[in-house]
Amino acid sequence: MSVEDQLQARLSEAFAPDWLELDNESHQHSVPANSETHFRLVMVSQSFEGKRAVARHQSVYAELADLLAGPIHALAMHLYDPQEWSQKTREAPASPNCLGGSKADAGGLS
């Protein structure tokens, strides 16, 4: 099962989302072709109602701890309750462009 499939399954089971959008953004980063290391998550769930952003993120981190410690390097999260999502006109912010650089670069990021 791919990392993306594992993410989809575990998030669906744990949060019963009204909306779940998961984008593999690995190709935008300095990683080998067909990598599954960088993801963007947009999720709308009743379970987020009344919770602050930090608590929402912590609940996702707890559910995905083993994947975040292993194959996933980055997970951009946009987490909403249904009312917030309806006010957002069903759009979440795009991820910023990768600035490049890696541990192998002599200068790194500036």
Protein backbone atom coordinates (compact mmCIF):
# COMPACT_ATOMS: atom_id res chain seq x y z
CA MET A 1 0.00 0.00 0.00
CA SER A 2 1.41 3.40 -0.94
CA VAL A 3 2.08 6.07 1.67
CA GLU A 4 -0.67 8.20 0.13
CA ASP A 5 -3.15 5.31 0.38
CA GLN A 6 -2.18 4.73 4.02
CA LEU A 7 -2.73 8.41 4.78
CA GLN A 8 -6.13 8.43 3.09
CA ALA A 9 -7.28 5.29 4.92
CA ARG A 10 -6.09 6.30 8.36
CA LEU A 11 -7.41 9.85 8.17
CA SER A 12 -10.77 8.65 6.88
CA GLU A 13 -11.10 6.12 9.67
CA ALA A 14 -9.94 8.40 12.48
CA PHE A 15 -11.72 11.64 11.53
CA ALA A 16 -14.69 10.64 9.33
CA PRO A 17 -14.09 13.76 7.23
CA ASP A 18 -16.74 15.61 5.26
CA TRP A 19 -13.94 16.60 2.88
CA LEU A 20 -10.48 15.12 2.50
CA GLU A 21 -8.04 16.37 -0.10
CA LEU A 22 -4.54 14.94 -0.07
CA ASP A 23 -1.93 16.10 -2.57
CA ASN A 24 1.46 14.48 -3.00
CA GLU A 25 3.72 17.51 -3.50
CA SER A 26 6.97 15.55 -3.43
CA HIS A 27 7.67 16.32 -7.09
CA GLN A 28 8.04 20.00 -6.11
CA HIS A 29 10.99 19.22 -3.84
CA SER A 30 14.54 17.92 -4.15
CA VAL A 31 13.68 14.24 -3.82
CA PRO A 32 13.93 11.24 -6.16
CA ALA A 33 11.20 10.72 -8.75
CA ASN A 34 8.01 9.02 -7.50
CA SER A 35 8.75 9.89 -3.88
CA GLU A 36 6.01 10.09 -1.25
CA THR A 37 7.61 12.43 1.25
CA HIS A 38 5.80 15.79 1.03
CA PHE A 39 2.02 16.08 1.30
CA ARG A 40 -0.61 18.80 1.55
CA LEU A 41 -3.75 17.92 3.49
CA VAL A 42 -7.07 19.74 3.45
CA MET A 43 -9.54 18.08 5.80
CA VAL A 44 -12.96 19.08 7.09
CA SER A 45 -14.31 17.17 10.04
CA GLN A 46 -16.94 17.55 12.75
CA SER A 47 -14.28 16.34 15.17
CA PHE A 48 -12.47 19.69 14.78
CA GLU A 49 -15.45 21.71 15.99
CA GLY A 50 -14.58 23.77 19.07
CA LYS A 51 -10.87 22.89 18.85
CA ARG A 52 -8.08 25.37 18.25
CA ALA A 53 -5.69 24.86 15.35
CA VAL A 54 -2.94 23.45 17.61
CA ALA A 55 -5.25 20.78 19.04
CA ARG A 56 -6.41 19.83 15.54
CA HIS A 57 -2.83 19.46 14.34
CA GLN A 58 -1.89 17.47 17.44
CA SER A 59 -4.73 15.02 16.80
CA VAL A 60 -3.51 14.42 13.24
CA TYR A 61 0.11 14.11 14.41
CA ALA A 62 -0.94 11.51 16.98
CA GLU A 63 -2.81 9.49 14.37
CA LEU A 64 0.08 9.56 11.89
CA ALA A 65 3.06 9.48 14.27
CA ASP A 66 4.71 6.42 12.75
CA LEU A 67 4.42 7.75 9.18
CA LEU A 68 5.71 11.18 10.21
CA ALA A 69 8.69 9.51 11.88
CA GLY A 70 9.38 7.48 8.76
CA PRO A 71 8.54 8.07 5.14
CA ILE A 72 6.78 11.45 5.44
CA HIS A 73 9.12 14.42 5.64
CA ALA A 74 6.54 17.22 5.48
CA LEU A 75 2.79 17.48 5.92
CA ALA A 76 1.14 20.85 5.31
CA MET A 77 -2.23 20.78 7.07
CA HIS A 78 -5.32 22.90 6.58
CA LEU A 79 -7.93 21.62 9.03
CA TYR A 80 -11.45 23.00 9.31
CA ASP A 81 -14.78 22.26 10.91
CA PRO A 82 -17.75 22.29 8.49
CA GLN A 83 -18.83 25.83 9.32
CA GLU A 84 -15.33 27.26 8.80
CA TRP A 85 -15.03 25.39 5.51
CA SER A 86 -18.30 26.81 4.18
CA GLN A 87 -17.01 30.31 4.99
CA LYS A 88 -13.76 29.61 3.14
CA THR A 89 -15.70 28.95 -0.07
CA ARG A 90 -14.13 25.51 -0.07
CA GLU A 91 -10.60 26.67 -0.78
CA ALA A 92 -7.47 26.21 1.29
CA PRO A 93 -4.19 28.07 0.80
CA ALA A 94 -1.71 26.66 -1.69
CA SER A 95 1.64 25.43 -0.48
CA PRO A 96 4.57 27.81 -1.01
CA ASN A 97 7.13 26.99 -3.66
CA CYS A 98 10.11 24.96 -2.53
CA LEU A 99 13.14 27.18 -2.00
CA GLY A 100 15.46 24.34 -2.95
CA GLY A 101 18.57 23.43 -1.11
CA SER A 102 19.47 20.24 0.63
CA LYS A 103 21.96 18.90 3.12
CA ALA A 104 24.19 18.05 0.15
CA ASP A 105 24.40 21.71 -0.92
CA ALA A 106 27.48 23.51 0.31
CA GLY A 107 25.70 26.77 1.03
CA GLY A 108 22.25 25.50 2.02
CA LEU A 109 19.46 28.05 2.10
CA SER A 110 20.20 31.71 2.35
